[in-house]
Amino acid sequence: MSLKILEWSGSVIALLGSFLIATHGTWADYGFLAYLVSNAFLIVFFIRKKLFGVLTMQLGATVTSLYGIMNSQF
């Protein structure tokens, strides 16, 4: 997969996750799943680009995404 696809997919899906959570609606819990998918794209992107500082941040964001999923009411 190209770097641009990884970068843009991760970014757009993260924005979708933020929107879903911000709605506080029926679909809000799915925002954490969107974040998890976004995390996967961005982790691969950061590894390929050797951006280890933001990779560390993204790994932390993955932990919070998993925590959100565990506490969601699917």
PDB file of N, CA and C in Angstrom:
ATOM      1  N   MET A   1       0.852  -1.170   0.000  1.00  0.00           N
ATOM      2  CA  MET A   1       0.000   0.000   0.000  1.00  0.00           C
ATOM      3  C   MET A   1       0.902   1.239   0.000  1.00  0.00           C
ATOM      4  N   SER A   2       0.512   2.238  -0.755  1.00  0.00           N
ATOM      5  CA  SER A   2       1.364   3.425  -0.856  1.00  0.00           C
ATOM      6  C   SER A   2       1.323   4.257   0.427  1.00  0.00           C
ATOM      7  N   LEU A   3       2.372   5.023   0.621  1.00  0.00           N
ATOM      8  CA  LEU A   3       2.452   5.877   1.809  1.00  0.00           C
ATOM      9  C   LEU A   3       1.321   6.898   1.840  1.00  0.00           C
ATOM     10  N   LYS A   4       0.972   7.454   0.694  1.00  0.00           N
ATOM     11  CA  LYS A   4      -0.118   8.447   0.647  1.00  0.00           C
ATOM     12  C   LYS A   4      -1.446   7.830   1.058  1.00  0.00           C
ATOM     13  N   ILE A   5      -1.702   6.616   0.604  1.00  0.00           N
ATOM     14  CA  ILE A   5      -2.956   5.945   0.980  1.00  0.00           C
ATOM     15  C   ILE A   5      -2.985   5.687   2.483  1.00  0.00           C
ATOM     16  N   LEU A   6      -1.875   5.212   3.047  1.00  0.00           N
ATOM     17  CA  LEU A   6      -1.802   4.986   4.496  1.00  0.00           C
ATOM     18  C   LEU A   6      -2.040   6.282   5.258  1.00  0.00           C
ATOM     19  N   GLU A   7      -1.353   7.332   4.850  1.00  0.00           N
ATOM     20  CA  GLU A   7      -1.451   8.621   5.541  1.00  0.00           C
ATOM     21  C   GLU A   7      -2.873   9.176   5.487  1.00  0.00           C
ATOM     22  N   TRP A   8      -3.448   9.235   4.281  1.00  0.00           N
ATOM     23  CA  TRP A   8      -4.768   9.837   4.129  1.00  0.00           C
ATOM     24  C   TRP A   8      -5.877   8.964   4.708  1.00  0.00           C
ATOM     25  N   SER A   9      -5.764   7.659   4.569  1.00  0.00           N
ATOM     26  CA  SER A   9      -6.776   6.771   5.157  1.00  0.00           C
ATOM     27  C   SER A   9      -6.781   6.911   6.675  1.00  0.00           C
ATOM     28  N   GLY A  10      -5.589   6.890   7.268  1.00  0.00           N
ATOM     29  CA  GLY A  10      -5.499   7.055   8.720  1.00  0.00           C
ATOM     30  C   GLY A  10      -6.069   8.379   9.189  1.00  0.00           C
ATOM     31  N   SER A  11      -5.783   9.433   8.455  1.00  0.00           N
ATOM     32  CA  SER A  11      -6.243  10.767   8.852  1.00  0.00           C
ATOM     33  C   SER A  11      -7.758  10.918   8.709  1.00  0.00           C
ATOM     34  N   VAL A  12      -8.299  10.507   7.574  1.00  0.00           N
ATOM     35  CA  VAL A  12      -9.738  10.662   7.331  1.00  0.00           C
ATOM     36  C   VAL A  12     -10.550   9.773   8.274  1.00  0.00           C
ATOM     37  N   ILE A  13     -10.103   8.554   8.495  1.00  0.00           N
ATOM     38  CA  ILE A  13     -10.829   7.649   9.395  1.00  0.00           C
ATOM     39  C   ILE A  13     -10.777   8.165  10.833  1.00  0.00           C
ATOM     40  N   ALA A  14      -9.670   8.792  11.238  1.00  0.00           N
ATOM     41  CA  ALA A  14      -9.596   9.391  12.578  1.00  0.00           C
ATOM     42  C   ALA A  14     -10.593  10.538  12.713  1.00  0.00           C
ATOM     43  N   LEU A  15     -10.729  11.333  11.656  1.00  0.00           N
ATOM     44  CA  LEU A  15     -11.728  12.411  11.692  1.00  0.00           C
ATOM     45  C   LEU A  15     -13.143  11.852  11.798  1.00  0.00           C
ATOM     46  N   LEU A  16     -13.408  10.759  11.095  1.00  0.00           N
ATOM     47  CA  LEU A  16     -14.707  10.100  11.211  1.00  0.00           C
ATOM     48  C   LEU A  16     -14.943   9.636  12.647  1.00  0.00           C
ATOM     49  N   GLY A  17     -13.909   9.043  13.258  1.00  0.00           N
ATOM     50  CA  GLY A  17     -14.026   8.604  14.653  1.00  0.00           C
ATOM     51  C   GLY A  17     -14.328   9.760  15.589  1.00  0.00           C
ATOM     52  N   SER A  18     -13.651  10.872  15.384  1.00  0.00           N
ATOM     53  CA  SER A  18     -13.898  12.053  16.217  1.00  0.00           C
ATOM     54  C   SER A  18     -15.327  12.552  16.052  1.00  0.00           C
ATOM     55  N   PHE A  19     -15.792  12.574  14.808  1.00  0.00           N
ATOM     56  CA  PHE A  19     -17.166  13.009  14.556  1.00  0.00           C
ATOM     57  C   PHE A  19     -18.168  12.092  15.248  1.00  0.00           C
ATOM     58  N   LEU A  20     -17.972  10.792  15.109  1.00  0.00           N
ATOM     59  CA  LEU A  20     -18.910   9.844  15.723  1.00  0.00           C
ATOM     60  C   LEU A  20     -18.962  10.004  17.238  1.00  0.00           C
ATOM     61  N   ILE A  21     -17.821  10.143  17.860  1.00  0.00           N
ATOM     62  CA  ILE A  21     -17.793  10.306  19.320  1.00  0.00           C
ATOM     63  C   ILE A  21     -18.427  11.628  19.727  1.00  0.00           C
ATOM     64  N   ALA A  22     -18.184  12.671  18.948  1.00  0.00           N
ATOM     65  CA  ALA A  22     -18.724  13.991  19.282  1.00  0.00           C
ATOM     66  C   ALA A  22     -20.243  14.042  19.191  1.00  0.00           C
ATOM     67  N   THR A  23     -20.849  13.158  18.404  1.00  0.00           N
ATOM     68  CA  THR A  23     -22.312  13.191  18.270  1.00  0.00           C
ATOM     69  C   THR A  23     -23.024  12.734  19.540  1.00  0.00           C
ATOM     70  N   HIS A  24     -22.350  11.947  20.354  1.00  0.00           N
ATOM     71  CA  HIS A  24     -22.968  11.356  21.553  1.00  0.00           C
ATOM     72  C   HIS A  24     -24.238  10.580  21.192  1.00  0.00           C
ATOM     73  N   GLY A  25     -24.328  10.170  19.933  1.00  0.00           N
ATOM     74  CA  GLY A  25     -25.522   9.481  19.453  1.00  0.00           C
ATOM     75  C   GLY A  25     -25.370   7.975  19.485  1.00  0.00           C
ATOM     76  N   THR A  26     -26.261   7.329  18.776  1.00  0.00           N
ATOM     77  CA  THR A  26     -26.309   5.878  18.726  1.00  0.00           C
ATOM     78  C   THR A  26     -25.011   5.277  18.192  1.00  0.00           C
ATOM     79  N   TRP A  27     -24.361   5.976  17.277  1.00  0.00           N
ATOM     80  CA  TRP A  27     -23.165   5.471  16.620  1.00  0.00           C
ATOM     81  C   TRP A  27     -21.874   5.909  17.302  1.00  0.00           C
ATOM     82  N   ALA A  28     -21.961   6.614  18.406  1.00  0.00           N
ATOM     83  CA  ALA A  28     -20.771   7.193  19.043  1.00  0.00           C
ATOM     84  C   ALA A  28     -19.725   6.143  19.413  1.00  0.00           C
ATOM     85  N   ASP A  29     -20.152   5.008  19.924  1.00  0.00           N
ATOM     86  CA  ASP A  29     -19.187   3.974  20.321  1.00  0.00           C
ATOM     87  C   ASP A  29     -18.373   3.452  19.137  1.00  0.00           C
ATOM     88  N   TYR A  30     -18.937   3.533  17.945  1.00  0.00           N
ATOM     89  CA  TYR A  30     -18.207   3.085  16.761  1.00  0.00           C
ATOM     90  C   TYR A  30     -17.036   4.006  16.423  1.00  0.00           C
ATOM     91  N   GLY A  31     -17.012   5.175  17.035  1.00  0.00           N
ATOM     92  CA  GLY A  31     -15.882   6.077  16.857  1.00  0.00           C
ATOM     93  C   GLY A  31     -14.582   5.438  17.321  1.00  0.00           C
ATOM     94  N   PHE A  32     -14.648   4.645  18.382  1.00  0.00           N
ATOM     95  CA  PHE A  32     -13.440   3.976  18.874  1.00  0.00           C
ATOM     96  C   PHE A  32     -12.955   2.909  17.889  1.00  0.00           C
ATOM     97  N   LEU A  33     -13.878   2.244  17.208  1.00  0.00           N
ATOM     98  CA  LEU A  33     -13.479   1.287  16.171  1.00  0.00           C
ATOM     99  C   LEU A  33     -12.823   2.021  15.001  1.00  0.00           C
ATOM    100  N   ALA A  34     -13.385   3.165  14.647  1.00  0.00           N
ATOM    101  CA  ALA A  34     -12.776   3.970  13.585  1.00  0.00           C
ATOM    102  C   ALA A  34     -11.372   4.395  13.994  1.00  0.00           C
ATOM    103  N   TYR A  35     -11.219   4.812  15.242  1.00  0.00           N
ATOM    104  CA  TYR A  35      -9.885   5.174  15.732  1.00  0.00           C
ATOM    105  C   TYR A  35      -8.915   3.998  15.626  1.00  0.00           C
ATOM    106  N   LEU A  36      -9.383   2.810  15.973  1.00  0.00           N
ATOM    107  CA  LEU A  36      -8.508   1.635  15.934  1.00  0.00           C
ATOM    108  C   LEU A  36      -8.040   1.348  14.507  1.00  0.00           C
ATOM    109  N   VAL A  37      -8.941   1.453  13.548  1.00  0.00           N
ATOM    110  CA  VAL A  37      -8.564   1.260  12.149  1.00  0.00           C
ATOM    111  C   VAL A  37      -7.576   2.344  11.728  1.00  0.00           C
ATOM    112  N   SER A  38      -7.861   3.575  12.113  1.00  0.00           N
ATOM    113  CA  SER A  38      -6.965   4.691  11.819  1.00  0.00           C
ATOM    114  C   SER A  38      -5.588   4.456  12.433  1.00  0.00           C
ATOM    115  N   ASN A  39      -5.558   3.993  13.668  1.00  0.00           N
ATOM    116  CA  ASN A  39      -4.292   3.703  14.343  1.00  0.00           C
ATOM    117  C   ASN A  39      -3.463   2.720  13.532  1.00  0.00           C
ATOM    118  N   ALA A  40      -4.102   1.685  13.001  1.00  0.00           N
ATOM    119  CA  ALA A  40      -3.379   0.670  12.230  1.00  0.00           C
ATOM    120  C   ALA A  40      -2.737   1.289  10.987  1.00  0.00           C
ATOM    121  N   PHE A  41      -3.512   2.080  10.243  1.00  0.00           N
ATOM    122  CA  PHE A  41      -2.956   2.741   9.054  1.00  0.00           C
ATOM    123  C   PHE A  41      -1.786   3.644   9.421  1.00  0.00           C
ATOM    124  N   LEU A  42      -1.968   4.442  10.467  1.00  0.00           N
ATOM    125  CA  LEU A  42      -0.943   5.416  10.821  1.00  0.00           C
ATOM    126  C   LEU A  42       0.301   4.763  11.426  1.00  0.00           C
ATOM    127  N   ILE A  43       0.121   3.682  12.162  1.00  0.00           N
ATOM    128  CA  ILE A  43       1.282   2.979  12.718  1.00  0.00           C
ATOM    129  C   ILE A  43       2.170   2.460  11.580  1.00  0.00           C
ATOM    130  N   VAL A  44       1.552   1.854  10.584  1.00  0.00           N
ATOM    131  CA  VAL A  44       2.337   1.368   9.443  1.00  0.00           C
ATOM    132  C   VAL A  44       3.015   2.535   8.732  1.00  0.00           C
ATOM    133  N   PHE A  45       2.282   3.628   8.543  1.00  0.00           N
ATOM    134  CA  PHE A  45       2.854   4.814   7.900  1.00  0.00           C
ATOM    135  C   PHE A  45       4.063   5.336   8.673  1.00  0.00           C
ATOM    136  N   PHE A  46       3.922   5.480   9.979  1.00  0.00           N
ATOM    137  CA  PHE A  46       5.015   6.025  10.788  1.00  0.00           C
ATOM    138  C   PHE A  46       6.228   5.096  10.816  1.00  0.00           C
ATOM    139  N   ILE A  47       5.988   3.791  10.828  1.00  0.00           N
ATOM    140  CA  ILE A  47       7.105   2.841  10.781  1.00  0.00           C
ATOM    141  C   ILE A  47       7.849   2.979   9.455  1.00  0.00           C
ATOM    142  N   ARG A  48       7.096   3.007   8.360  1.00  0.00           N
ATOM    143  CA  ARG A  48       7.738   3.107   7.049  1.00  0.00           C
ATOM    144  C   ARG A  48       8.512   4.410   6.879  1.00  0.00           C
ATOM    145  N   LYS A  49       7.997   5.487   7.481  1.00  0.00           N
ATOM    146  CA  LYS A  49       8.662   6.795   7.381  1.00  0.00           C
ATOM    147  C   LYS A  49       9.724   6.983   8.466  1.00  0.00           C
ATOM    148  N   LYS A  50       9.834   6.014   9.384  1.00  0.00           N
ATOM    149  CA  LYS A  50      10.787   6.080  10.502  1.00  0.00           C
ATOM    150  C   LYS A  50      10.553   7.316  11.369  1.00  0.00           C
ATOM    151  N   LEU A  51       9.281   7.581  11.649  1.00  0.00           N
ATOM    152  CA  LEU A  51       8.876   8.705  12.497  1.00  0.00           C
ATOM    153  C   LEU A  51       8.533   8.139  13.879  1.00  0.00           C
ATOM    154  N   PHE A  52       9.563   7.862  14.648  1.00  0.00           N
ATOM    155  CA  PHE A  52       9.378   7.099  15.881  1.00  0.00           C
ATOM    156  C   PHE A  52       8.745   7.894  17.018  1.00  0.00           C
ATOM    157  N   GLY A  53       8.870   9.205  17.015  1.00  0.00           N
ATOM    158  CA  GLY A  53       8.208  10.019  18.036  1.00  0.00           C
ATOM    159  C   GLY A  53       6.701   9.953  17.909  1.00  0.00           C
ATOM    160  N   VAL A  54       6.188  10.198  16.697  1.00  0.00           N
ATOM    161  CA  VAL A  54       4.738  10.126  16.509  1.00  0.00           C
ATOM    162  C   VAL A  54       4.247   8.680  16.520  1.00  0.00           C
ATOM    163  N   LEU A  55       5.121   7.726  16.189  1.00  0.00           N
ATOM    164  CA  LEU A  55       4.762   6.315  16.326  1.00  0.00           C
ATOM    165  C   LEU A  55       4.466   5.991  17.784  1.00  0.00           C
ATOM    166  N   THR A  56       5.290   6.502  18.674  1.00  0.00           N
ATOM    167  CA  THR A  56       5.069   6.290  20.110  1.00  0.00           C
ATOM    168  C   THR A  56       3.725   6.857  20.535  1.00  0.00           C
ATOM    169  N   MET A  57       3.417   8.061  20.056  1.00  0.00           N
ATOM    170  CA  MET A  57       2.132   8.681  20.376  1.00  0.00           C
ATOM    171  C   MET A  57       0.988   7.837  19.815  1.00  0.00           C
ATOM    172  N   GLN A  58       1.155   7.314  18.604  1.00  0.00           N
ATOM    173  CA  GLN A  58       0.107   6.521  17.974  1.00  0.00           C
ATOM    174  C   GLN A  58      -0.117   5.205  18.708  1.00  0.00           C
ATOM    175  N   LEU A  59       0.944   4.610  19.218  1.00  0.00           N
ATOM    176  CA  LEU A  59       0.789   3.394  20.019  1.00  0.00           C
ATOM    177  C   LEU A  59      -0.007   3.694  21.291  1.00  0.00           C
ATOM    178  N   GLY A  60       0.239   4.845  21.906  1.00  0.00           N
ATOM    179  CA  GLY A  60      -0.559   5.261  23.064  1.00  0.00           C
ATOM    180  C   GLY A  60      -2.012   5.487  22.685  1.00  0.00           C
ATOM    181  N   ALA A  61      -2.240   6.079  21.513  1.00  0.00           N
ATOM    182  CA  ALA A  61      -3.614   6.291  21.045  1.00  0.00           C
ATOM    183  C   ALA A  61      -4.312   4.953  20.801  1.00  0.00           C
ATOM    184  N   THR A  62      -3.557   3.946  20.368  1.00  0.00           N
ATOM    185  CA  THR A  62      -4.129   2.615  20.166  1.00  0.00           C
ATOM    186  C   THR A  62      -4.611   2.031  21.495  1.00  0.00           C
ATOM    187  N   VAL A  63      -3.839   2.236  22.538  1.00  0.00           N
ATOM    188  CA  VAL A  63      -4.245   1.764  23.870  1.00  0.00           C
ATOM    189  C   VAL A  63      -5.550   2.438  24.289  1.00  0.00           C
ATOM    190  N   THR A  64      -5.667   3.751  24.067  1.00  0.00           N
ATOM    191  CA  THR A  64      -6.903   4.441  24.452  1.00  0.00           C
ATOM    192  C   THR A  64      -8.072   4.008  23.571  1.00  0.00           C
ATOM    193  N   SER A  65      -7.809   3.684  22.300  1.00  0.00           N
ATOM    194  CA  SER A  65      -8.872   3.167  21.429  1.00  0.00           C
ATOM    195  C   SER A  65      -9.378   1.820  21.954  1.00  0.00           C
ATOM    196  N   LEU A  66      -8.456   0.949  22.324  1.00  0.00           N
ATOM    197  CA  LEU A  66      -8.848  -0.352  22.878  1.00  0.00           C
ATOM    198  C   LEU A  66      -9.613  -0.198  24.190  1.00  0.00           C
ATOM    199  N   TYR A  67      -9.184   0.741  25.017  1.00  0.00           N
ATOM    200  CA  TYR A  67      -9.891   1.017  26.273  1.00  0.00           C
ATOM    201  C   TYR A  67     -11.312   1.511  25.983  1.00  0.00           C
ATOM    202  N   GLY A  68     -11.434   2.389  25.017  1.00  0.00           N
ATOM    203  CA  GLY A  68     -12.759   2.878  24.632  1.00  0.00           C
ATOM    204  C   GLY A  68     -13.654   1.768  24.126  1.00  0.00           C
ATOM    205  N   ILE A  69     -13.085   0.858  23.335  1.00  0.00           N
ATOM    206  CA  ILE A  69     -13.859  -0.278  22.839  1.00  0.00           C
ATOM    207  C   ILE A  69     -14.306  -1.181  23.977  1.00  0.00           C
ATOM    208  N   MET A  70     -13.401  -1.431  24.936  1.00  0.00           N
ATOM    209  CA  MET A  70     -13.762  -2.291  26.085  1.00  0.00           C
ATOM    210  C   MET A  70     -14.881  -1.667  26.912  1.00  0.00           C
ATOM    211  N   ASN A  71     -14.951  -0.340  26.957  1.00  0.00           N
ATOM    212  CA  ASN A  71     -15.966   0.329  27.767  1.00  0.00           C
ATOM    213  C   ASN A  71     -17.199   0.736  26.968  1.00  0.00           C
ATOM    214  N   SER A  72     -17.241   0.391  25.693  1.00  0.00           N
ATOM    215  CA  SER A  72     -18.373   0.794  24.871  1.00  0.00           C
ATOM    216  C   SER A  72     -19.544  -0.168  25.077  1.00  0.00           C
ATOM    217  N   GLN A  73     -20.676   0.239  24.576  1.00  0.00           N
ATOM    218  CA  GLN A  73     -21.901  -0.532  24.784  1.00  0.00           C
ATOM    219  C   GLN A  73     -22.435  -1.055  23.454  1.00  0.00           C
ATOM    220  N   PHE A  74     -21.642  -1.848  22.770  1.00  0.00           N
ATOM    221  CA  PHE A  74     -22.063  -2.385  21.469  1.00  0.00           C
ATOM    222  C   PHE A  74     -23.203  -3.337  21.640  1.00  0.00           C
TER     223      PHE A  74
END
